[in-house]
Amino acid sequence: MEGLSPLLMFALMFAVFYFLLIRPQQRKAKQRNLMLGQLKKGDKVVTIGGMHGTILEITDDIVVLRVNDTTKVTFDRSAVNNVSAASTSAASTVTIEKKEDKKEELKA
């Protein structure tokens, strides 16, 4: 029984580390990879350095941002921290879908 106690404590510590540290980090990495995969031309983004801009061109590993009317800056795709606003074409399709759903509800 005394030999089982340290092994049980080690397993308990591993479980705590897994659920409090490893699993949330994996979930966050998955969300980030999903966000980077959904980037498209016209999205307004913020880089990890704090640069705000709109995506002009995008390839597998490079993003070209328009910072103002004359300045274009090239970044690695992984340098994008978050999307502050989706492109207007994506937003307009969402509003069109919502309007169609409301029309269907009214007919029913």
PDB file of N, CA and C in Angstrom:
ATOM      1  N   MET A   1       0.813  -1.186   0.000  1.00  0.00           N
ATOM      2  CA  MET A   1       0.000   0.000   0.000  1.00  0.00           C
ATOM      3  C   MET A   1       0.861   1.257   0.000  1.00  0.00           C
ATOM      4  N   GLU A   2       2.013   1.214   0.685  1.00  0.00           N
ATOM      5  CA  GLU A   2       2.881   2.390   0.750  1.00  0.00           C
ATOM      6  C   GLU A   2       3.537   2.653  -0.602  1.00  0.00           C
ATOM      7  N   GLY A   3       3.770   1.654  -1.402  1.00  0.00           N
ATOM      8  CA  GLY A   3       4.383   1.824  -2.710  1.00  0.00           C
ATOM      9  C   GLY A   3       3.402   2.397  -3.730  1.00  0.00           C
ATOM     10  N   LEU A   4       2.123   2.272  -3.477  1.00  0.00           N
ATOM     11  CA  LEU A   4       1.098   2.753  -4.393  1.00  0.00           C
ATOM     12  C   LEU A   4       0.821   4.243  -4.202  1.00  0.00           C
ATOM     13  N   SER A   5       1.044   4.764  -3.014  1.00  0.00           N
ATOM     14  CA  SER A   5       0.728   6.148  -2.705  1.00  0.00           C
ATOM     15  C   SER A   5       1.527   7.154  -3.559  1.00  0.00           C
ATOM     16  N   PRO A   6       2.839   7.035  -3.701  1.00  0.00           N
ATOM     17  CA  PRO A   6       3.566   7.993  -4.549  1.00  0.00           C
ATOM     18  C   PRO A   6       3.151   7.905  -6.026  1.00  0.00           C
ATOM     19  N   LEU A   7       2.854   6.707  -6.465  1.00  0.00           N
ATOM     20  CA  LEU A   7       2.416   6.542  -7.846  1.00  0.00           C
ATOM     21  C   LEU A   7       1.063   7.201  -8.067  1.00  0.00           C
ATOM     22  N   LEU A   8       0.179   7.077  -7.104  1.00  0.00           N
ATOM     23  CA  LEU A   8      -1.138   7.710  -7.188  1.00  0.00           C
ATOM     24  C   LEU A   8      -1.017   9.236  -7.169  1.00  0.00           C
ATOM     25  N   MET A   9      -0.138   9.764  -6.346  1.00  0.00           N
ATOM     26  CA  MET A   9       0.080  11.211  -6.296  1.00  0.00           C
ATOM     27  C   MET A   9       0.648  11.729  -7.622  1.00  0.00           C
ATOM     28  N   PHE A  10       1.562  10.981  -8.222  1.00  0.00           N
ATOM     29  CA  PHE A  10       2.147  11.359  -9.505  1.00  0.00           C
ATOM     30  C   PHE A  10       1.064  11.381 -10.597  1.00  0.00           C
ATOM     31  N   ALA A  11       0.201  10.374 -10.601  1.00  0.00           N
ATOM     32  CA  ALA A  11      -0.886  10.323 -11.581  1.00  0.00           C
ATOM     33  C   ALA A  11      -1.862  11.479 -11.365  1.00  0.00           C
ATOM     34  N   LEU A  12      -2.145  11.815 -10.140  1.00  0.00           N
ATOM     35  CA  LEU A  12      -3.032  12.926  -9.824  1.00  0.00           C
ATOM     36  C   LEU A  12      -2.424  14.252 -10.283  1.00  0.00           C
ATOM     37  N   MET A  13      -1.125  14.438 -10.057  1.00  0.00           N
ATOM     38  CA  MET A  13      -0.451  15.664 -10.507  1.00  0.00           C
ATOM     39  C   MET A  13      -0.469  15.771 -12.032  1.00  0.00           C
ATOM     40  N   PHE A  14      -0.260  14.658 -12.714  1.00  0.00           N
ATOM     41  CA  PHE A  14      -0.298  14.665 -14.174  1.00  0.00           C
ATOM     42  C   PHE A  14      -1.694  15.036 -14.672  1.00  0.00           C
ATOM     43  N   ALA A  15      -2.726  14.502 -14.034  1.00  0.00           N
ATOM     44  CA  ALA A  15      -4.097  14.813 -14.432  1.00  0.00           C
ATOM     45  C   ALA A  15      -4.397  16.300 -14.239  1.00  0.00           C
ATOM     46  N   VAL A  16      -3.938  16.869 -13.145  1.00  0.00           N
ATOM     47  CA  VAL A  16      -4.158  18.290 -12.886  1.00  0.00           C
ATOM     48  C   VAL A  16      -3.448  19.129 -13.943  1.00  0.00           C
ATOM     49  N   PHE A  17      -2.191  18.798 -14.243  1.00  0.00           N
ATOM     50  CA  PHE A  17      -1.454  19.531 -15.275  1.00  0.00           C
ATOM     51  C   PHE A  17      -2.132  19.391 -16.631  1.00  0.00           C
ATOM     52  N   TYR A  18      -2.630  18.226 -16.936  1.00  0.00           N
ATOM     53  CA  TYR A  18      -3.271  18.010 -18.228  1.00  0.00           C
ATOM     54  C   TYR A  18      -4.515  18.880 -18.371  1.00  0.00           C
ATOM     55  N   PHE A  19      -5.388  18.852 -17.382  1.00  0.00           N
ATOM     56  CA  PHE A  19      -6.653  19.583 -17.485  1.00  0.00           C
ATOM     57  C   PHE A  19      -6.512  21.087 -17.270  1.00  0.00           C
ATOM     58  N   LEU A  20      -5.493  21.533 -16.551  1.00  0.00           N
ATOM     59  CA  LEU A  20      -5.341  22.959 -16.298  1.00  0.00           C
ATOM     60  C   LEU A  20      -4.370  23.654 -17.246  1.00  0.00           C
ATOM     61  N   LEU A  21      -3.421  22.926 -17.822  1.00  0.00           N
ATOM     62  CA  LEU A  21      -2.421  23.556 -18.668  1.00  0.00           C
ATOM     63  C   LEU A  21      -2.410  23.043 -20.107  1.00  0.00           C
ATOM     64  N   ILE A  22      -2.280  21.762 -20.282  1.00  0.00           N
ATOM     65  CA  ILE A  22      -2.062  21.194 -21.613  1.00  0.00           C
ATOM     66  C   ILE A  22      -3.314  21.296 -22.472  1.00  0.00           C
ATOM     67  N   ARG A  23      -4.442  20.867 -21.964  1.00  0.00           N
ATOM     68  CA  ARG A  23      -5.678  20.844 -22.757  1.00  0.00           C
ATOM     69  C   ARG A  23      -6.140  22.244 -23.183  1.00  0.00           C
ATOM     70  N   PRO A  24      -6.158  23.250 -22.286  1.00  0.00           N
ATOM     71  CA  PRO A  24      -6.539  24.596 -22.738  1.00  0.00           C
ATOM     72  C   PRO A  24      -5.575  25.171 -23.780  1.00  0.00           C
ATOM     73  N   GLN A  25      -4.288  24.868 -23.647  1.00  0.00           N
ATOM     74  CA  GLN A  25      -3.313  25.351 -24.620  1.00  0.00           C
ATOM     75  C   GLN A  25      -3.551  24.709 -25.988  1.00  0.00           C
ATOM     76  N   GLN A  26      -3.885  23.442 -26.022  1.00  0.00           N
ATOM     77  CA  GLN A  26      -4.187  22.772 -27.294  1.00  0.00           C
ATOM     78  C   GLN A  26      -5.439  23.363 -27.931  1.00  0.00           C
ATOM     79  N   ARG A  27      -6.445  23.655 -27.131  1.00  0.00           N
ATOM     80  CA  ARG A  27      -7.687  24.241 -27.641  1.00  0.00           C
ATOM     81  C   ARG A  27      -7.427  25.629 -28.234  1.00  0.00           C
ATOM     82  N   LYS A  28      -6.608  26.432 -27.536  1.00  0.00           N
ATOM     83  CA  LYS A  28      -6.282  27.766 -28.013  1.00  0.00           C
ATOM     84  C   LYS A  28      -5.478  27.702 -29.312  1.00  0.00           C
ATOM     85  N   ALA A  29      -4.548  26.766 -29.420  1.00  0.00           N
ATOM     86  CA  ALA A  29      -3.768  26.608 -30.646  1.00  0.00           C
ATOM     87  C   ALA A  29      -4.664  26.180 -31.811  1.00  0.00           C
ATOM     88  N   LYS A  30      -5.629  25.336 -31.538  1.00  0.00           N
ATOM     89  CA  LYS A  30      -6.562  24.895 -32.578  1.00  0.00           C
ATOM     90  C   LYS A  30      -7.398  26.065 -33.078  1.00  0.00           C
ATOM     91  N   GLN A  31      -7.882  26.919 -32.169  1.00  0.00           N
ATOM     92  CA  GLN A  31      -8.663  28.088 -32.557  1.00  0.00           C
ATOM     93  C   GLN A  31      -7.824  29.064 -33.372  1.00  0.00           C
ATOM     94  N   ARG A  32      -6.560  29.243 -32.995  1.00  0.00           N
ATOM     95  CA  ARG A  32      -5.675  30.154 -33.729  1.00  0.00           C
ATOM     96  C   ARG A  32      -5.418  29.641 -35.136  1.00  0.00           C
ATOM     97  N   ASN A  33      -5.155  28.349 -35.274  1.00  0.00           N
ATOM     98  CA  ASN A  33      -4.931  27.778 -36.596  1.00  0.00           C
ATOM     99  C   ASN A  33      -6.181  27.889 -37.466  1.00  0.00           C
ATOM    100  N   LEU A  34      -7.353  27.733 -36.867  1.00  0.00           N
ATOM    101  CA  LEU A  34      -8.601  27.895 -37.600  1.00  0.00           C
ATOM    102  C   LEU A  34      -8.766  29.338 -38.073  1.00  0.00           C
ATOM    103  N   MET A  35      -8.451  30.293 -37.193  1.00  0.00           N
ATOM    104  CA  MET A  35      -8.544  31.712 -37.542  1.00  0.00           C
ATOM    105  C   MET A  35      -7.575  32.038 -38.675  1.00  0.00           C
ATOM    106  N   LEU A  36      -6.341  31.542 -38.603  1.00  0.00           N
ATOM    107  CA  LEU A  36      -5.358  31.805 -39.655  1.00  0.00           C
ATOM    108  C   LEU A  36      -5.771  31.162 -40.971  1.00  0.00           C
ATOM    109  N   GLY A  37      -6.446  30.040 -40.909  1.00  0.00           N
ATOM    110  CA  GLY A  37      -6.903  29.374 -42.121  1.00  0.00           C
ATOM    111  C   GLY A  37      -8.073  30.077 -42.783  1.00  0.00           C
ATOM    112  N   GLN A  38      -8.839  30.852 -42.018  1.00  0.00           N
ATOM    113  CA  GLN A  38     -10.015  31.530 -42.552  1.00  0.00           C
ATOM    114  C   GLN A  38      -9.749  32.968 -42.981  1.00  0.00           C
ATOM    115  N   LEU A  39      -8.489  33.411 -42.913  1.00  0.00           N
ATOM    116  CA  LEU A  39      -8.173  34.766 -43.349  1.00  0.00           C
ATOM    117  C   LEU A  39      -8.461  34.909 -44.833  1.00  0.00           C
ATOM    118  N   LYS A  40      -8.983  36.090 -45.204  1.00  0.00           N
ATOM    119  CA  LYS A  40      -9.259  36.340 -46.613  1.00  0.00           C
ATOM    120  C   LYS A  40      -9.014  37.804 -46.927  1.00  0.00           C
ATOM    121  N   LYS A  41      -8.960  38.103 -48.193  1.00  0.00           N
ATOM    122  CA  LYS A  41      -8.719  39.451 -48.666  1.00  0.00           C
ATOM    123  C   LYS A  41      -9.837  40.370 -48.171  1.00  0.00           C
ATOM    124  N   GLY A  42      -9.456  41.522 -47.612  1.00  0.00           N
ATOM    125  CA  GLY A  42     -10.437  42.486 -47.124  1.00  0.00           C
ATOM    126  C   GLY A  42     -10.647  42.445 -45.622  1.00  0.00           C
ATOM    127  N   ASP A  43     -10.153  41.407 -44.942  1.00  0.00           N
ATOM    128  CA  ASP A  43     -10.284  41.333 -43.480  1.00  0.00           C
ATOM    129  C   ASP A  43      -9.405  42.392 -42.826  1.00  0.00           C
ATOM    130  N   LYS A  44      -9.917  43.007 -41.777  1.00  0.00           N
ATOM    131  CA  LYS A  44      -9.126  43.943 -40.992  1.00  0.00           C
ATOM    132  C   LYS A  44      -8.518  43.151 -39.843  1.00  0.00           C
ATOM    133  N   VAL A  45      -7.185  43.215 -39.723  1.00  0.00           N
ATOM    134  CA  VAL A  45      -6.480  42.380 -38.755  1.00  0.00           C
ATOM    135  C   VAL A  45      -5.533  43.225 -37.905  1.00  0.00           C
ATOM    136  N   VAL A  46      -5.086  42.629 -36.808  1.00  0.00           N
ATOM    137  CA  VAL A  46      -4.073  43.198 -35.944  1.00  0.00           C
ATOM    138  C   VAL A  46      -2.944  42.174 -35.856  1.00  0.00           C
ATOM    139  N   THR A  47      -1.701  42.628 -36.047  1.00  0.00           N
ATOM    140  CA  THR A  47      -0.562  41.713 -35.975  1.00  0.00           C
ATOM    141  C   THR A  47      -0.102  41.566 -34.531  1.00  0.00           C
ATOM    142  N   ILE A  48       0.833  40.657 -34.309  1.00  0.00           N
ATOM    143  CA  ILE A  48       1.339  40.454 -32.952  1.00  0.00           C
ATOM    144  C   ILE A  48       2.146  41.653 -32.471  1.00  0.00           C
ATOM    145  N   GLY A  49       2.598  42.497 -33.405  1.00  0.00           N
ATOM    146  CA  GLY A  49       3.317  43.714 -33.048  1.00  0.00           C
ATOM    147  C   GLY A  49       2.403  44.901 -32.825  1.00  0.00           C
ATOM    148  N   GLY A  50       1.101  44.740 -33.062  1.00  0.00           N
ATOM    149  CA  GLY A  50       0.145  45.808 -32.839  1.00  0.00           C
ATOM    150  C   GLY A  50      -0.192  46.611 -34.080  1.00  0.00           C
ATOM    151  N   MET A  51       0.302  46.206 -35.249  1.00  0.00           N
ATOM    152  CA  MET A  51       0.020  46.919 -36.494  1.00  0.00           C
ATOM    153  C   MET A  51      -1.385  46.571 -36.971  1.00  0.00           C
ATOM    154  N   HIS A  52      -2.194  47.588 -37.225  1.00  0.00           N
ATOM    155  CA  HIS A  52      -3.550  47.412 -37.734  1.00  0.00           C
ATOM    156  C   HIS A  52      -3.527  47.612 -39.241  1.00  0.00           C
ATOM    157  N   GLY A  53      -4.253  46.766 -39.972  1.00  0.00           N
ATOM    158  CA  GLY A  53      -4.302  46.920 -41.411  1.00  0.00           C
ATOM    159  C   GLY A  53      -5.370  46.049 -42.036  1.00  0.00           C
ATOM    160  N   THR A  54      -5.536  46.220 -43.349  1.00  0.00           N
ATOM    161  CA  THR A  54      -6.502  45.455 -44.127  1.00  0.00           C
ATOM    162  C   THR A  54      -5.735  44.558 -45.089  1.00  0.00           C
ATOM    163  N   ILE A  55      -6.140  43.311 -45.195  1.00  0.00           N
ATOM    164  CA  ILE A  55      -5.441  42.359 -46.060  1.00  0.00           C
ATOM    165  C   ILE A  55      -5.698  42.706 -47.519  1.00  0.00           C
ATOM    166  N   LEU A  56      -4.603  42.947 -48.270  1.00  0.00           N
ATOM    167  CA  LEU A  56      -4.688  43.189 -49.710  1.00  0.00           C
ATOM    168  C   LEU A  56      -4.435  41.910 -50.492  1.00  0.00           C
ATOM    169  N   GLU A  57      -3.389  41.183 -50.095  1.00  0.00           N
ATOM    170  CA  GLU A  57      -3.019  39.931 -50.755  1.00  0.00           C
ATOM    171  C   GLU A  57      -2.732  38.902 -49.676  1.00  0.00           C
ATOM    172  N   ILE A  58      -2.994  37.650 -50.009  1.00  0.00           N
ATOM    173  CA  ILE A  58      -2.732  36.585 -49.046  1.00  0.00           C
ATOM    174  C   ILE A  58      -2.311  35.337 -49.806  1.00  0.00           C
ATOM    175  N   THR A  59      -1.244  34.701 -49.325  1.00  0.00           N
ATOM    176  CA  THR A  59      -0.793  33.426 -49.875  1.00  0.00           C
ATOM    177  C   THR A  59      -0.739  32.424 -48.732  1.00  0.00           C
ATOM    178  N   ASP A  60      -0.102  31.278 -48.986  1.00  0.00           N
ATOM    179  CA  ASP A  60      -0.037  30.252 -47.942  1.00  0.00           C
ATOM    180  C   ASP A  60       0.720  30.713 -46.704  1.00  0.00           C
ATOM    181  N   ASP A  61       1.764  31.532 -46.895  1.00  0.00           N
ATOM    182  CA  ASP A  61       2.567  31.923 -45.740  1.00  0.00           C
ATOM    183  C   ASP A  61       2.833  33.421 -45.631  1.00  0.00           C
ATOM    184  N   ILE A  62       2.319  34.242 -46.551  1.00  0.00           N
ATOM    185  CA  ILE A  62       2.572  35.682 -46.536  1.00  0.00           C
ATOM    186  C   ILE A  62       1.256  36.445 -46.631  1.00  0.00           C
ATOM    187  N   VAL A  63       1.185  37.554 -45.868  1.00  0.00           N
ATOM    188  CA  VAL A  63       0.033  38.445 -45.883  1.00  0.00           C
ATOM    189  C   VAL A  63       0.543  39.856 -46.175  1.00  0.00           C
ATOM    190  N   VAL A  64      -0.074  40.529 -47.132  1.00  0.00           N
ATOM    191  CA  VAL A  64       0.254  41.918 -47.424  1.00  0.00           C
ATOM    192  C   VAL A  64      -0.872  42.775 -46.873  1.00  0.00           C
ATOM    193  N   LEU A  65      -0.504  43.696 -45.950  1.00  0.00           N
ATOM    194  CA  LEU A  65      -1.494  44.553 -45.308  1.00  0.00           C
ATOM    195  C   LEU A  65      -1.403  45.969 -45.855  1.00  0.00           C
ATOM    196  N   ARG A  66      -2.554  46.606 -46.018  1.00  0.00           N
ATOM    197  CA  ARG A  66      -2.604  48.029 -46.335  1.00  0.00           C
ATOM    198  C   ARG A  66      -2.811  48.751 -45.016  1.00  0.00           C
ATOM    199  N   VAL A  67      -1.816  49.555 -44.636  1.00  0.00           N
ATOM    200  CA  VAL A  67      -1.874  50.267 -43.369  1.00  0.00           C
ATOM    201  C   VAL A  67      -2.593  51.600 -43.546  1.00  0.00           C
ATOM    202  N   ASN A  68      -2.288  52.307 -44.621  1.00  0.00           N
ATOM    203  CA  ASN A  68      -3.032  53.510 -45.003  1.00  0.00           C
ATOM    204  C   ASN A  68      -3.125  53.514 -46.521  1.00  0.00           C
ATOM    205  N   ASP A  69      -3.496  54.631 -47.130  1.00  0.00           N
ATOM    206  CA  ASP A  69      -3.735  54.650 -48.569  1.00  0.00           C
ATOM    207  C   ASP A  69      -2.492  54.334 -49.394  1.00  0.00           C
ATOM    208  N   THR A  70      -1.310  54.636 -48.891  1.00  0.00           N
ATOM    209  CA  THR A  70      -0.098  54.463 -49.689  1.00  0.00           C
ATOM    210  C   THR A  70       0.850  53.399 -49.167  1.00  0.00           C
ATOM    211  N   THR A  71       0.660  52.908 -47.958  1.00  0.00           N
ATOM    212  CA  THR A  71       1.628  52.003 -47.341  1.00  0.00           C
ATOM    213  C   THR A  71       1.136  50.566 -47.355  1.00  0.00           C
ATOM    214  N   LYS A  72       1.978  49.693 -47.915  1.00  0.00           N
ATOM    215  CA  LYS A  72       1.725  48.252 -47.887  1.00  0.00           C
ATOM    216  C   LYS A  72       2.858  47.598 -47.107  1.00  0.00           C
ATOM    217  N   VAL A  73       2.513  46.694 -46.212  1.00  0.00           N
ATOM    218  CA  VAL A  73       3.502  46.018 -45.381  1.00  0.00           C
ATOM    219  C   VAL A  73       3.298  44.515 -45.520  1.00  0.00           C
ATOM    220  N   THR A  74       4.397  43.783 -45.665  1.00  0.00           N
ATOM    221  CA  THR A  74       4.338  42.330 -45.813  1.00  0.00           C
ATOM    222  C   THR A  74       4.687  41.655 -44.487  1.00  0.00           C
ATOM    223  N   PHE A  75       3.859  40.694 -44.086  1.00  0.00           N
ATOM    224  CA  PHE A  75       4.065  39.938 -42.853  1.00  0.00           C
ATOM    225  C   PHE A  75       3.944  38.454 -43.148  1.00  0.00           C
ATOM    226  N   ASP A  76       4.493  37.649 -42.249  1.00  0.00           N
ATOM    227  CA  ASP A  76       4.198  36.221 -42.273  1.00  0.00           C
ATOM    228  C   ASP A  76       2.759  36.044 -41.830  1.00  0.00           C
ATOM    229  N   ARG A  77       2.123  35.024 -42.346  1.00  0.00           N
ATOM    230  CA  ARG A  77       0.729  34.761 -41.969  1.00  0.00           C
ATOM    231  C   ARG A  77       0.607  34.503 -40.468  1.00  0.00           C
ATOM    232  N   SER A  78       1.621  33.894 -39.888  1.00  0.00           N
ATOM    233  CA  SER A  78       1.583  33.587 -38.455  1.00  0.00           C
ATOM    234  C   SER A  78       1.719  34.833 -37.585  1.00  0.00           C
ATOM    235  N   ALA A  79       2.066  35.992 -38.182  1.00  0.00           N
ATOM    236  CA  ALA A  79       2.184  37.237 -37.420  1.00  0.00           C
ATOM    237  C   ALA A  79       0.834  37.879 -37.153  1.00  0.00           C
ATOM    238  N   VAL A  80      -0.229  37.369 -37.754  1.00  0.00           N
ATOM    239  CA  VAL A  80      -1.565  37.912 -37.508  1.00  0.00           C
ATOM    240  C   VAL A  80      -2.037  37.422 -36.151  1.00  0.00           C
ATOM    241  N   ASN A  81      -2.417  38.365 -35.298  1.00  0.00           N
ATOM    242  CA  ASN A  81      -2.848  38.016 -33.948  1.00  0.00           C
ATOM    243  C   ASN A  81      -4.346  37.771 -33.885  1.00  0.00           C
ATOM    244  N   ASN A  82      -5.138  38.669 -34.480  1.00  0.00           N
ATOM    245  CA  ASN A  82      -6.590  38.471 -34.486  1.00  0.00           C
ATOM    246  C   ASN A  82      -7.224  39.261 -35.619  1.00  0.00           C
ATOM    247  N   VAL A  83      -8.453  38.924 -35.931  1.00  0.00           N
ATOM    248  CA  VAL A  83      -9.223  39.614 -36.955  1.00  0.00           C
ATOM    249  C   VAL A  83     -10.132  40.593 -36.234  1.00  0.00           C
ATOM    250  N   SER A  84      -9.953  41.886 -36.521  1.00  0.00           N
ATOM    251  CA  SER A  84     -10.778  42.885 -35.836  1.00  0.00           C
ATOM    252  C   SER A  84     -12.118  43.079 -36.531  1.00  0.00           C
ATOM    253  N   ALA A  85     -12.152  42.885 -37.852  1.00  0.00           N
ATOM    254  CA  ALA A  85     -13.414  42.976 -38.589  1.00  0.00           C
ATOM    255  C   ALA A  85     -13.297  42.131 -39.845  1.00  0.00           C
ATOM    256  N   ALA A  86     -14.321  41.319 -40.103  1.00  0.00           N
ATOM    257  CA  ALA A  86     -14.323  40.496 -41.307  1.00  0.00           C
ATOM    258  C   ALA A  86     -14.586  41.386 -42.510  1.00  0.00           C
ATOM    259  N   SER A  87     -14.272  40.882 -43.689  1.00  0.00           N
ATOM    260  CA  SER A  87     -14.478  41.664 -44.905  1.00  0.00           C
ATOM    261  C   SER A  87     -15.955  41.948 -45.109  1.00  0.00           C
ATOM    262  N   THR A  88     -16.259  43.001 -45.829  1.00  0.00           N
ATOM    263  CA  THR A  88     -17.655  43.413 -46.014  1.00  0.00           C
ATOM    264  C   THR A  88     -18.441  42.409 -46.834  1.00  0.00           C
ATOM    265  N   SER A  89     -17.788  41.690 -47.736  1.00  0.00           N
ATOM    266  CA  SER A  89     -18.513  40.702 -48.538  1.00  0.00           C
ATOM    267  C   SER A  89     -19.022  39.563 -47.664  1.00  0.00           C
ATOM    268  N   ALA A  90     -18.235  39.165 -46.678  1.00  0.00           N
ATOM    269  CA  ALA A  90     -18.676  38.106 -45.769  1.00  0.00           C
ATOM    270  C   ALA A  90     -19.811  38.610 -44.885  1.00  0.00           C
ATOM    271  N   ALA A  91     -19.716  39.860 -44.438  1.00  0.00           N
ATOM    272  CA  ALA A  91     -20.765  40.416 -43.583  1.00  0.00           C
ATOM    273  C   ALA A  91     -22.063  40.569 -44.360  1.00  0.00           C
ATOM    274  N   SER A  92     -21.969  40.945 -45.641  1.00  0.00           N
ATOM    275  CA  SER A  92     -23.196  41.124 -46.418  1.00  0.00           C
ATOM    276  C   SER A  92     -23.876  39.789 -46.692  1.00  0.00           C
ATOM    277  N   THR A  93     -23.110  38.715 -46.873  1.00  0.00           N
ATOM    278  CA  THR A  93     -23.738  37.410 -47.091  1.00  0.00           C
ATOM    279  C   THR A  93     -24.441  36.937 -45.834  1.00  0.00           C
ATOM    280  N   VAL A  94     -23.894  37.256 -44.664  1.00  0.00           N
ATOM    281  CA  VAL A  94     -24.541  36.870 -43.410  1.00  0.00           C
ATOM    282  C   VAL A  94     -25.857  37.618 -43.261  1.00  0.00           C
ATOM    283  N   THR A  95     -25.884  38.916 -43.572  1.00  0.00           N
ATOM    284  CA  THR A  95     -27.127  39.670 -43.433  1.00  0.00           C
ATOM    285  C   THR A  95     -28.161  39.204 -44.442  1.00  0.00           C
ATOM    286  N   ILE A  96     -27.728  38.835 -45.653  1.00  0.00           N
ATOM    287  CA  ILE A  96     -28.659  38.316 -46.650  1.00  0.00           C
ATOM    288  C   ILE A  96     -29.270  37.009 -46.170  1.00  0.00           C
ATOM    289  N   GLU A  97     -28.438  36.123 -45.591  1.00  0.00           N
ATOM    290  CA  GLU A  97     -28.939  34.852 -45.077  1.00  0.00           C
ATOM    291  C   GLU A  97     -29.942  35.088 -43.950  1.00  0.00           C
ATOM    292  N   LYS A  98     -29.688  36.062 -43.075  1.00  0.00           N
ATOM    293  CA  LYS A  98     -30.598  36.351 -41.981  1.00  0.00           C
ATOM    294  C   LYS A  98     -31.932  36.856 -42.515  1.00  0.00           C
ATOM    295  N   LYS A  99     -31.886  37.707 -43.540  1.00  0.00           N
ATOM    296  CA  LYS A  99     -33.121  38.218 -44.129  1.00  0.00           C
ATOM    297  C   LYS A  99     -33.922  37.089 -44.756  1.00  0.00           C
ATOM    298  N   GLU A 100     -33.232  36.151 -45.424  1.00  0.00           N
ATOM    299  CA  GLU A 100     -33.927  35.020 -46.039  1.00  0.00           C
ATOM    300  C   GLU A 100     -34.557  34.142 -44.970  1.00  0.00           C
ATOM    301  N   ASP A 101     -33.870  33.942 -43.834  1.00  0.00           N
ATOM    302  CA  ASP A 101     -34.425  33.141 -42.740  1.00  0.00           C
ATOM    303  C   ASP A 101     -35.679  33.795 -42.174  1.00  0.00           C
ATOM    304  N   LYS A 102     -35.659  35.127 -42.050  1.00  0.00           N
ATOM    305  CA  LYS A 102     -36.832  35.826 -41.524  1.00  0.00           C
ATOM    306  C   LYS A 102     -38.012  35.706 -42.469  1.00  0.00           C
ATOM    307  N   LYS A 103     -37.751  35.783 -43.777  1.00  0.00           N
ATOM    308  CA  LYS A 103     -38.817  35.634 -44.767  1.00  0.00           C
ATOM    309  C   LYS A 103     -39.435  34.243 -44.689  1.00  0.00           C
ATOM    310  N   GLU A 104     -38.588  33.213 -44.523  1.00  0.00           N
ATOM    311  CA  GLU A 104     -39.089  31.853 -44.403  1.00  0.00           C
ATOM    312  C   GLU A 104     -39.923  31.672 -43.144  1.00  0.00           C
ATOM    313  N   GLU A 105     -39.506  32.318 -42.041  1.00  0.00           N
ATOM    314  CA  GLU A 105     -40.263  32.216 -40.799  1.00  0.00           C
ATOM    315  C   GLU A 105     -41.634  32.872 -40.938  1.00  0.00           C
ATOM    316  N   LEU A 106     -41.683  33.992 -41.646  1.00  0.00           N
ATOM    317  CA  LEU A 106     -42.953  34.685 -41.839  1.00  0.00           C
ATOM    318  C   LEU A 106     -43.913  33.873 -42.697  1.00  0.00           C
ATOM    319  N   LYS A 107     -43.384  33.143 -43.686  1.00  0.00           N
ATOM    320  CA  LYS A 107     -44.217  32.321 -44.559  1.00  0.00           C
ATOM    321  C   LYS A 107     -44.791  31.122 -43.812  1.00  0.00           C
ATOM    322  N   ALA A 108     -44.050  30.615 -42.830  1.00  0.00           N
ATOM    323  CA  ALA A 108     -44.476  29.405 -42.119  1.00  0.00           C
ATOM    324  C   ALA A 108     -45.564  29.657 -41.125  1.00  0.00           C
TER     325      ALA A 108
END
